[in-house]
Amino acid sequence: MLIREAAAEDWTAIWPFFHRIVAAGETFTYPVDLSEEQGRDWWLLPAPHRTVVAVDEAGTVLGTAKMNTNHLGNGSHIASASYMVDPARAGQGVGRALCEYTLEWARAAGFRAMQFNAVVETNAPAVHLYRSLGFQVLGTLPEGFRHPVNGYVGLHIMYRAL
């Protein structure tokens, strides 16, 4: 697996699984009816932020991550990131590789920590992955997410020093 900078032409490979994940409404706080144009604008970030894709030997996009500052101004020393893995590639280490990549990017860019602002508590694979990489739950916003199956569930704020 290779992780490389996302190019505009990668969007055609990202959009199908991006759309499926967002429309399911189970893991992201994005509107479930997010348009393709909005999705592209929200995901393919301009510098100094970054968006990357994980690809296999054939160049097939397996997943993607975006990296950015978590806040502006005097809070800009804390990074954040988001990840989407093609559900057909779940459990193959793509998410872990992307998360490790973003941690290295943040460390190399001089960030002091990484924070995730809204990890849905019922997203057990993500919570498990982040904990295994040293993130801790700082707090949970009770009923902060309206899950389409489980009703109102918590949103974790997760943090890791770099």
N, C-alpha and C. Protein backbone atom coordinates (compact mmCIF):
# COMPACT_ATOMS: atom_id res chain seq x y z
N MET A 1 0.84 -1.18 0.00
CA MET A 1 0.00 0.00 0.00
C MET A 1 0.89 1.24 0.00
N LEU A 2 0.50 2.19 -0.80
CA LEU A 2 1.21 3.47 -0.90
C LEU A 2 0.25 4.57 -0.47
N ILE A 3 0.75 5.50 0.34
CA ILE A 3 -0.05 6.68 0.70
C ILE A 3 0.60 7.86 0.02
N ARG A 4 -0.19 8.57 -0.76
CA ARG A 4 0.32 9.71 -1.53
C ARG A 4 -0.67 10.86 -1.48
N GLU A 5 -0.17 12.02 -1.87
CA GLU A 5 -1.01 13.22 -1.95
C GLU A 5 -2.19 12.94 -2.89
N ALA A 6 -3.38 13.35 -2.49
CA ALA A 6 -4.55 13.19 -3.35
C ALA A 6 -4.50 14.23 -4.45
N ALA A 7 -4.87 13.82 -5.64
CA ALA A 7 -4.98 14.72 -6.78
C ALA A 7 -6.46 14.92 -7.10
N ALA A 8 -6.78 15.99 -7.78
CA ALA A 8 -8.18 16.28 -8.12
C ALA A 8 -8.83 15.10 -8.83
N GLU A 9 -8.09 14.42 -9.68
CA GLU A 9 -8.66 13.29 -10.42
C GLU A 9 -8.94 12.07 -9.54
N ASP A 10 -8.42 12.04 -8.31
CA ASP A 10 -8.73 10.95 -7.38
C ASP A 10 -10.16 11.03 -6.86
N TRP A 11 -10.77 12.20 -6.99
CA TRP A 11 -12.11 12.37 -6.44
C TRP A 11 -13.10 11.37 -7.04
N THR A 12 -12.96 11.04 -8.30
CA THR A 12 -13.90 10.10 -8.92
C THR A 12 -13.83 8.72 -8.26
N ALA A 13 -12.69 8.36 -7.69
CA ALA A 13 -12.56 7.09 -6.97
C ALA A 13 -12.98 7.24 -5.51
N ILE A 14 -12.79 8.42 -4.94
CA ILE A 14 -13.15 8.66 -3.54
C ILE A 14 -14.67 8.80 -3.38
N TRP A 15 -15.30 9.54 -4.28
CA TRP A 15 -16.71 9.90 -4.12
C TRP A 15 -17.63 8.71 -3.87
N PRO A 16 -17.53 7.59 -4.58
CA PRO A 16 -18.50 6.51 -4.33
C PRO A 16 -18.51 6.02 -2.88
N PHE A 17 -17.34 5.78 -2.27
CA PHE A 17 -17.37 5.33 -0.88
C PHE A 17 -17.57 6.48 0.08
N PHE A 18 -17.08 7.66 -0.24
CA PHE A 18 -17.35 8.85 0.56
C PHE A 18 -18.86 9.05 0.68
N HIS A 19 -19.52 9.04 -0.46
CA HIS A 19 -20.97 9.24 -0.49
C HIS A 19 -21.70 8.16 0.29
N ARG A 20 -21.30 6.91 0.12
CA ARG A 20 -21.94 5.80 0.83
C ARG A 20 -21.80 5.97 2.35
N ILE A 21 -20.60 6.34 2.80
CA ILE A 21 -20.35 6.50 4.23
C ILE A 21 -21.15 7.69 4.79
N VAL A 22 -21.11 8.81 4.10
CA VAL A 22 -21.83 10.01 4.57
C VAL A 22 -23.34 9.77 4.55
N ALA A 23 -23.86 9.20 3.47
CA ALA A 23 -25.30 8.97 3.35
C ALA A 23 -25.81 8.00 4.41
N ALA A 24 -24.98 7.07 4.86
CA ALA A 24 -25.39 6.13 5.91
C ALA A 24 -25.66 6.85 7.22
N GLY A 25 -24.97 7.97 7.44
CA GLY A 25 -25.23 8.80 8.61
C GLY A 25 -24.82 8.18 9.93
N GLU A 26 -23.87 7.24 9.93
CA GLU A 26 -23.50 6.54 11.15
C GLU A 26 -22.20 7.00 11.79
N THR A 27 -21.34 7.71 11.04
CA THR A 27 -20.01 7.99 11.57
C THR A 27 -19.52 9.43 11.39
N PHE A 28 -20.11 10.20 10.52
CA PHE A 28 -19.67 11.58 10.29
C PHE A 28 -20.80 12.55 10.61
N THR A 29 -20.43 13.75 11.02
CA THR A 29 -21.41 14.78 11.31
C THR A 29 -21.77 15.59 10.07
N TYR A 30 -21.42 15.09 8.91
CA TYR A 30 -21.78 15.75 7.65
C TYR A 30 -23.27 15.54 7.36
N PRO A 31 -23.90 16.47 6.65
CA PRO A 31 -25.29 16.25 6.23
C PRO A 31 -25.37 14.99 5.35
N VAL A 32 -26.37 14.14 5.58
CA VAL A 32 -26.46 12.90 4.81
C VAL A 32 -26.77 13.14 3.34
N ASP A 33 -27.28 14.31 3.02
CA ASP A 33 -27.58 14.64 1.62
C ASP A 33 -26.51 15.54 1.01
N LEU A 34 -25.30 15.48 1.54
CA LEU A 34 -24.19 16.28 1.05
C LEU A 34 -23.99 16.05 -0.45
N SER A 35 -23.90 17.13 -1.21
CA SER A 35 -23.71 17.00 -2.66
C SER A 35 -22.26 16.62 -2.96
N GLU A 36 -22.05 16.11 -4.14
CA GLU A 36 -20.70 15.74 -4.55
C GLU A 36 -19.77 16.96 -4.54
N GLU A 37 -20.25 18.08 -5.02
CA GLU A 37 -19.44 19.30 -5.03
C GLU A 37 -19.07 19.74 -3.62
N GLN A 38 -20.04 19.73 -2.71
CA GLN A 38 -19.75 20.09 -1.32
C GLN A 38 -18.76 19.11 -0.71
N GLY A 39 -18.97 17.83 -0.94
CA GLY A 39 -18.07 16.82 -0.41
C GLY A 39 -16.65 17.03 -0.89
N ARG A 40 -16.49 17.29 -2.17
CA ARG A 40 -15.15 17.53 -2.72
C ARG A 40 -14.52 18.76 -2.08
N ASP A 41 -15.29 19.81 -1.94
CA ASP A 41 -14.75 21.04 -1.33
C ASP A 41 -14.38 20.83 0.13
N TRP A 42 -15.13 20.03 0.85
CA TRP A 42 -14.86 19.78 2.27
C TRP A 42 -13.73 18.80 2.48
N TRP A 43 -13.50 17.90 1.50
CA TRP A 43 -12.51 16.84 1.71
C TRP A 43 -11.15 17.15 1.08
N LEU A 44 -11.14 17.65 -0.13
CA LEU A 44 -9.87 17.93 -0.82
C LEU A 44 -9.38 19.31 -0.39
N LEU A 45 -8.57 19.33 0.65
CA LEU A 45 -8.17 20.59 1.29
C LEU A 45 -6.98 21.24 0.60
N PRO A 46 -6.99 22.57 0.54
CA PRO A 46 -5.83 23.29 -0.01
C PRO A 46 -4.70 23.36 1.02
N ALA A 47 -3.48 23.59 0.54
CA ALA A 47 -2.32 23.79 1.42
C ALA A 47 -2.60 24.99 2.31
N PRO A 48 -2.14 24.97 3.54
CA PRO A 48 -1.14 24.06 4.10
C PRO A 48 -1.73 22.75 4.63
N HIS A 49 -3.05 22.60 4.55
CA HIS A 49 -3.66 21.33 4.95
C HIS A 49 -3.35 20.30 3.87
N ARG A 50 -3.70 19.05 4.14
CA ARG A 50 -3.38 18.00 3.16
C ARG A 50 -4.50 16.98 3.09
N THR A 51 -4.64 16.40 1.93
CA THR A 51 -5.50 15.24 1.74
C THR A 51 -4.67 14.21 1.02
N VAL A 52 -4.75 12.97 1.49
CA VAL A 52 -3.98 11.88 0.89
C VAL A 52 -4.92 10.72 0.55
N VAL A 53 -4.42 9.83 -0.28
CA VAL A 53 -5.12 8.58 -0.58
C VAL A 53 -4.17 7.42 -0.34
N ALA A 54 -4.74 6.31 0.08
CA ALA A 54 -4.01 5.05 0.17
C ALA A 54 -4.40 4.25 -1.07
N VAL A 55 -3.41 3.78 -1.79
CA VAL A 55 -3.66 3.04 -3.03
C VAL A 55 -2.93 1.70 -2.99
N ASP A 56 -3.46 0.73 -3.74
CA ASP A 56 -2.78 -0.56 -3.85
C ASP A 56 -1.81 -0.53 -5.03
N GLU A 57 -1.20 -1.67 -5.31
CA GLU A 57 -0.19 -1.75 -6.38
C GLU A 57 -0.75 -1.35 -7.75
N ALA A 58 -2.04 -1.57 -7.95
CA ALA A 58 -2.68 -1.23 -9.22
C ALA A 58 -3.13 0.23 -9.27
N GLY A 59 -2.96 0.96 -8.17
CA GLY A 59 -3.38 2.35 -8.12
C GLY A 59 -4.82 2.55 -7.68
N THR A 60 -5.49 1.49 -7.25
CA THR A 60 -6.87 1.58 -6.78
C THR A 60 -6.90 2.30 -5.43
N VAL A 61 -7.78 3.28 -5.31
CA VAL A 61 -7.91 4.03 -4.06
C VAL A 61 -8.64 3.16 -3.04
N LEU A 62 -7.97 2.92 -1.91
CA LEU A 62 -8.51 2.09 -0.83
C LEU A 62 -9.14 2.92 0.27
N GLY A 63 -8.62 4.12 0.45
CA GLY A 63 -9.09 5.01 1.51
C GLY A 63 -8.44 6.36 1.37
N THR A 64 -8.83 7.27 2.24
CA THR A 64 -8.35 8.64 2.15
C THR A 64 -8.34 9.27 3.55
N ALA A 65 -7.52 10.29 3.70
CA ALA A 65 -7.46 11.04 4.95
C ALA A 65 -7.25 12.51 4.63
N LYS A 66 -7.80 13.35 5.48
CA LYS A 66 -7.50 14.78 5.38
C LYS A 66 -6.91 15.23 6.71
N MET A 67 -5.95 16.14 6.62
CA MET A 67 -5.22 16.62 7.79
C MET A 67 -5.27 18.13 7.81
N ASN A 68 -5.48 18.68 8.99
CA ASN A 68 -5.62 20.13 9.09
C ASN A 68 -5.37 20.57 10.53
N THR A 69 -5.31 21.89 10.71
CA THR A 69 -5.27 22.42 12.07
C THR A 69 -6.64 22.21 12.69
N ASN A 70 -6.66 21.97 13.98
CA ASN A 70 -7.93 21.76 14.66
C ASN A 70 -8.62 23.10 14.94
N HIS A 71 -7.83 24.12 15.24
CA HIS A 71 -8.35 25.46 15.51
C HIS A 71 -7.44 26.47 14.84
N LEU A 72 -7.83 27.72 14.87
CA LEU A 72 -7.04 28.80 14.29
C LEU A 72 -6.29 29.55 15.39
N GLY A 73 -5.48 30.49 14.99
CA GLY A 73 -4.81 31.38 15.93
C GLY A 73 -4.00 30.66 16.99
N ASN A 74 -4.23 31.02 18.24
CA ASN A 74 -3.46 30.46 19.34
C ASN A 74 -3.77 28.99 19.63
N GLY A 75 -4.70 28.41 18.90
CA GLY A 75 -4.99 26.98 19.01
C GLY A 75 -4.50 26.19 17.82
N SER A 76 -3.76 26.86 16.93
CA SER A 76 -3.36 26.21 15.68
C SER A 76 -2.19 25.24 15.83
N HIS A 77 -1.72 25.01 17.03
CA HIS A 77 -0.64 24.04 17.26
C HIS A 77 -1.18 22.63 17.50
N ILE A 78 -2.51 22.48 17.42
CA ILE A 78 -3.16 21.18 17.57
C ILE A 78 -3.70 20.76 16.20
N ALA A 79 -3.33 19.57 15.77
CA ALA A 79 -3.77 19.05 14.47
C ALA A 79 -5.07 18.26 14.63
N SER A 80 -5.70 18.01 13.51
CA SER A 80 -6.84 17.11 13.46
C SER A 80 -6.77 16.35 12.14
N ALA A 81 -7.54 15.30 12.04
CA ALA A 81 -7.58 14.51 10.81
C ALA A 81 -8.90 13.76 10.75
N SER A 82 -9.27 13.37 9.55
CA SER A 82 -10.46 12.55 9.32
C SER A 82 -10.09 11.48 8.31
N TYR A 83 -10.78 10.36 8.40
CA TYR A 83 -10.43 9.20 7.58
C TYR A 83 -11.68 8.58 6.99
N MET A 84 -11.55 8.09 5.77
CA MET A 84 -12.60 7.29 5.15
C MET A 84 -11.92 6.14 4.42
N VAL A 85 -12.38 4.94 4.72
CA VAL A 85 -11.87 3.74 4.06
C VAL A 85 -13.02 3.13 3.27
N ASP A 86 -12.75 2.75 2.04
CA ASP A 86 -13.75 2.05 1.24
C ASP A 86 -14.25 0.86 2.06
N PRO A 87 -15.56 0.77 2.33
CA PRO A 87 -16.07 -0.35 3.14
C PRO A 87 -15.66 -1.72 2.60
N ALA A 88 -15.42 -1.84 1.31
CA ALA A 88 -14.96 -3.11 0.73
C ALA A 88 -13.54 -3.44 1.17
N ARG A 89 -12.83 -2.47 1.73
CA ARG A 89 -11.43 -2.66 2.17
C ARG A 89 -11.30 -2.65 3.69
N ALA A 90 -12.42 -2.64 4.40
CA ALA A 90 -12.39 -2.60 5.87
C ALA A 90 -11.65 -3.81 6.42
N GLY A 91 -10.92 -3.59 7.51
CA GLY A 91 -10.22 -4.68 8.18
C GLY A 91 -8.92 -5.09 7.53
N GLN A 92 -8.45 -4.31 6.57
CA GLN A 92 -7.22 -4.66 5.85
C GLN A 92 -6.04 -3.77 6.23
N GLY A 93 -6.19 -2.97 7.28
CA GLY A 93 -5.10 -2.12 7.75
C GLY A 93 -5.02 -0.76 7.08
N VAL A 94 -5.96 -0.44 6.24
CA VAL A 94 -5.93 0.85 5.52
C VAL A 94 -6.12 2.00 6.51
N GLY A 95 -7.10 1.89 7.39
CA GLY A 95 -7.35 2.95 8.37
C GLY A 95 -6.16 3.17 9.28
N ARG A 96 -5.57 2.09 9.75
CA ARG A 96 -4.38 2.19 10.62
C ARG A 96 -3.25 2.89 9.88
N ALA A 97 -2.99 2.50 8.65
CA ALA A 97 -1.91 3.11 7.87
C ALA A 97 -2.16 4.60 7.67
N LEU A 98 -3.39 4.96 7.36
CA LEU A 98 -3.72 6.38 7.19
C LEU A 98 -3.56 7.15 8.49
N CYS A 99 -4.01 6.57 9.58
CA CYS A 99 -3.91 7.26 10.88
C CYS A 99 -2.44 7.43 11.26
N GLU A 100 -1.64 6.40 11.10
CA GLU A 100 -0.21 6.51 11.40
C GLU A 100 0.44 7.57 10.52
N TYR A 101 0.06 7.63 9.26
CA TYR A 101 0.59 8.63 8.33
C TYR A 101 0.27 10.04 8.82
N THR A 102 -0.98 10.26 9.24
CA THR A 102 -1.36 11.61 9.67
C THR A 102 -0.65 12.01 10.96
N LEU A 103 -0.41 11.04 11.84
CA LEU A 103 0.34 11.34 13.06
C LEU A 103 1.77 11.76 12.72
N GLU A 104 2.38 11.07 11.78
CA GLU A 104 3.74 11.44 11.36
C GLU A 104 3.75 12.82 10.69
N TRP A 105 2.75 13.08 9.85
CA TRP A 105 2.65 14.39 9.20
C TRP A 105 2.55 15.49 10.26
N ALA A 106 1.68 15.29 11.23
CA ALA A 106 1.47 16.30 12.27
C ALA A 106 2.74 16.52 13.08
N ARG A 107 3.41 15.45 13.43
CA ARG A 107 4.66 15.56 14.20
C ARG A 107 5.70 16.32 13.38
N ALA A 108 5.88 15.95 12.12
CA ALA A 108 6.87 16.59 11.26
C ALA A 108 6.54 18.06 11.00
N ALA A 109 5.25 18.39 11.00
CA ALA A 109 4.82 19.77 10.76
C ALA A 109 4.90 20.63 12.02
N GLY A 110 5.28 20.04 13.14
CA GLY A 110 5.48 20.81 14.37
C GLY A 110 4.26 20.93 15.27
N PHE A 111 3.22 20.17 14.99
CA PHE A 111 2.06 20.19 15.89
C PHE A 111 2.43 19.53 17.21
N ARG A 112 1.78 19.93 18.27
CA ARG A 112 2.06 19.39 19.61
C ARG A 112 1.14 18.23 19.97
N ALA A 113 0.00 18.15 19.29
CA ALA A 113 -0.96 17.10 19.61
C ALA A 113 -1.93 16.95 18.44
N MET A 114 -2.70 15.87 18.49
CA MET A 114 -3.79 15.68 17.54
C MET A 114 -5.07 15.46 18.34
N GLN A 115 -6.14 16.09 17.87
CA GLN A 115 -7.43 15.99 18.54
C GLN A 115 -8.51 15.68 17.52
N PHE A 116 -9.37 14.76 17.87
CA PHE A 116 -10.57 14.47 17.08
C PHE A 116 -11.76 15.01 17.86
N ASN A 117 -12.54 15.86 17.24
CA ASN A 117 -13.62 16.56 17.93
C ASN A 117 -14.93 15.79 18.01
N ALA A 118 -15.13 14.83 17.14
CA ALA A 118 -16.45 14.20 17.06
C ALA A 118 -16.34 12.75 16.59
N VAL A 119 -15.89 11.87 17.49
CA VAL A 119 -15.83 10.45 17.18
C VAL A 119 -17.10 9.82 17.75
N VAL A 120 -17.94 9.30 16.88
CA VAL A 120 -19.20 8.71 17.32
C VAL A 120 -18.90 7.49 18.18
N GLU A 121 -19.44 7.49 19.40
CA GLU A 121 -19.08 6.44 20.36
C GLU A 121 -19.46 5.04 19.89
N THR A 122 -20.44 4.92 19.01
CA THR A 122 -20.83 3.60 18.49
C THR A 122 -19.97 3.16 17.32
N ASN A 123 -19.04 4.00 16.88
CA ASN A 123 -18.11 3.62 15.80
C ASN A 123 -16.96 2.85 16.45
N ALA A 124 -17.27 1.63 16.89
CA ALA A 124 -16.31 0.83 17.65
C ALA A 124 -14.98 0.59 16.92
N PRO A 125 -14.98 0.31 15.61
CA PRO A 125 -13.68 0.11 14.96
C PRO A 125 -12.78 1.35 15.04
N ALA A 126 -13.35 2.54 14.85
CA ALA A 126 -12.55 3.75 14.92
C ALA A 126 -12.07 4.02 16.34
N VAL A 127 -12.96 3.89 17.31
CA VAL A 127 -12.57 4.12 18.71
C VAL A 127 -11.46 3.15 19.11
N HIS A 128 -11.59 1.89 18.73
CA HIS A 128 -10.57 0.89 19.04
C HIS A 128 -9.24 1.25 18.37
N LEU A 129 -9.28 1.61 17.10
CA LEU A 129 -8.06 1.98 16.38
C LEU A 129 -7.38 3.16 17.05
N TYR A 130 -8.12 4.21 17.32
CA TYR A 130 -7.52 5.41 17.90
C TYR A 130 -6.93 5.12 19.28
N ARG A 131 -7.63 4.36 20.09
CA ARG A 131 -7.08 3.99 21.41
C ARG A 131 -5.80 3.18 21.24
N SER A 132 -5.76 2.28 20.28
CA SER A 132 -4.57 1.45 20.07
C SER A 132 -3.37 2.28 19.63
N LEU A 133 -3.64 3.46 19.09
CA LEU A 133 -2.57 4.36 18.65
C LEU A 133 -2.27 5.44 19.68
N GLY A 134 -2.80 5.29 20.88
CA GLY A 134 -2.45 6.19 21.97
C GLY A 134 -3.41 7.32 22.24
N PHE A 135 -4.54 7.39 21.53
CA PHE A 135 -5.53 8.43 21.80
C PHE A 135 -6.32 8.06 23.05
N GLN A 136 -6.75 9.08 23.75
CA GLN A 136 -7.61 8.88 24.90
C GLN A 136 -8.87 9.70 24.73
N VAL A 137 -9.94 9.24 25.32
CA VAL A 137 -11.19 9.99 25.31
C VAL A 137 -11.10 11.04 26.41
N LEU A 138 -11.15 12.31 26.02
CA LEU A 138 -11.11 13.40 27.00
C LEU A 138 -12.48 13.65 27.60
N GLY A 139 -13.49 13.40 26.81
CA GLY A 139 -14.86 13.61 27.26
C GLY A 139 -15.81 13.15 26.19
N THR A 140 -17.06 13.05 26.56
CA THR A 140 -18.09 12.63 25.63
C THR A 140 -19.28 13.57 25.75
N LEU A 141 -19.72 14.08 24.63
CA LEU A 141 -20.92 14.90 24.59
C LEU A 141 -22.11 13.95 24.55
N PRO A 142 -22.84 13.83 25.65
CA PRO A 142 -23.97 12.90 25.68
C PRO A 142 -25.01 13.26 24.61
N GLU A 143 -25.47 12.26 23.90
CA GLU A 143 -26.50 12.43 22.88
C GLU A 143 -26.12 13.48 21.83
N GLY A 144 -24.82 13.62 21.57
CA GLY A 144 -24.34 14.62 20.62
C GLY A 144 -24.48 14.23 19.16
N PHE A 145 -24.90 12.99 18.91
CA PHE A 145 -25.01 12.49 17.54
C PHE A 145 -26.31 11.70 17.41
N ARG A 146 -27.06 12.00 16.36
CA ARG A 146 -28.32 11.29 16.11
C ARG A 146 -28.05 10.15 15.13
N HIS A 147 -27.82 8.98 15.67
CA HIS A 147 -27.50 7.80 14.87
C HIS A 147 -28.80 7.24 14.27
N PRO A 148 -28.78 6.87 12.98
CA PRO A 148 -30.02 6.42 12.34
C PRO A 148 -30.57 5.10 12.88
N VAL A 149 -29.75 4.31 13.55
CA VAL A 149 -30.19 3.03 14.09
C VAL A 149 -30.26 3.07 15.62
N ASN A 150 -29.24 3.63 16.25
CA ASN A 150 -29.11 3.60 17.70
C ASN A 150 -29.69 4.82 18.42
N GLY A 151 -30.24 5.74 17.69
CA GLY A 151 -30.80 6.94 18.31
C GLY A 151 -29.69 7.89 18.74
N TYR A 152 -29.94 8.64 19.78
CA TYR A 152 -28.97 9.63 20.24
C TYR A 152 -27.85 8.92 21.00
N VAL A 153 -26.62 9.12 20.51
CA VAL A 153 -25.44 8.53 21.12
C VAL A 153 -24.40 9.62 21.34
N GLY A 154 -23.39 9.31 22.10
CA GLY A 154 -22.37 10.29 22.44
C GLY A 154 -21.35 10.53 21.35
N LEU A 155 -20.74 11.70 21.41
CA LEU A 155 -19.60 12.06 20.55
C LEU A 155 -18.38 12.22 21.45
N HIS A 156 -17.37 11.41 21.19
CA HIS A 156 -16.12 11.49 21.94
C HIS A 156 -15.23 12.61 21.41
N ILE A 157 -14.55 13.27 22.30
CA ILE A 157 -13.40 14.12 21.96
C ILE A 157 -12.19 13.28 22.32
N MET A 158 -11.36 12.99 21.32
CA MET A 158 -10.19 12.13 21.55
C MET A 158 -8.91 12.92 21.28
N TYR A 159 -7.86 12.60 22.02
CA TYR A 159 -6.64 13.40 22.03
C TYR A 159 -5.43 12.50 22.16
N ARG A 160 -4.35 12.96 21.53
CA ARG A 160 -3.06 12.29 21.70
C ARG A 160 -1.96 13.34 21.56
N ALA A 161 -1.06 13.38 22.54
CA ALA A 161 0.12 14.26 22.43
C ALA A 161 1.06 13.68 21.39
N LEU A 162 1.80 14.57 20.73
CA LEU A 162 2.77 14.13 19.74
C LEU A 162 4.18 14.27 20.28
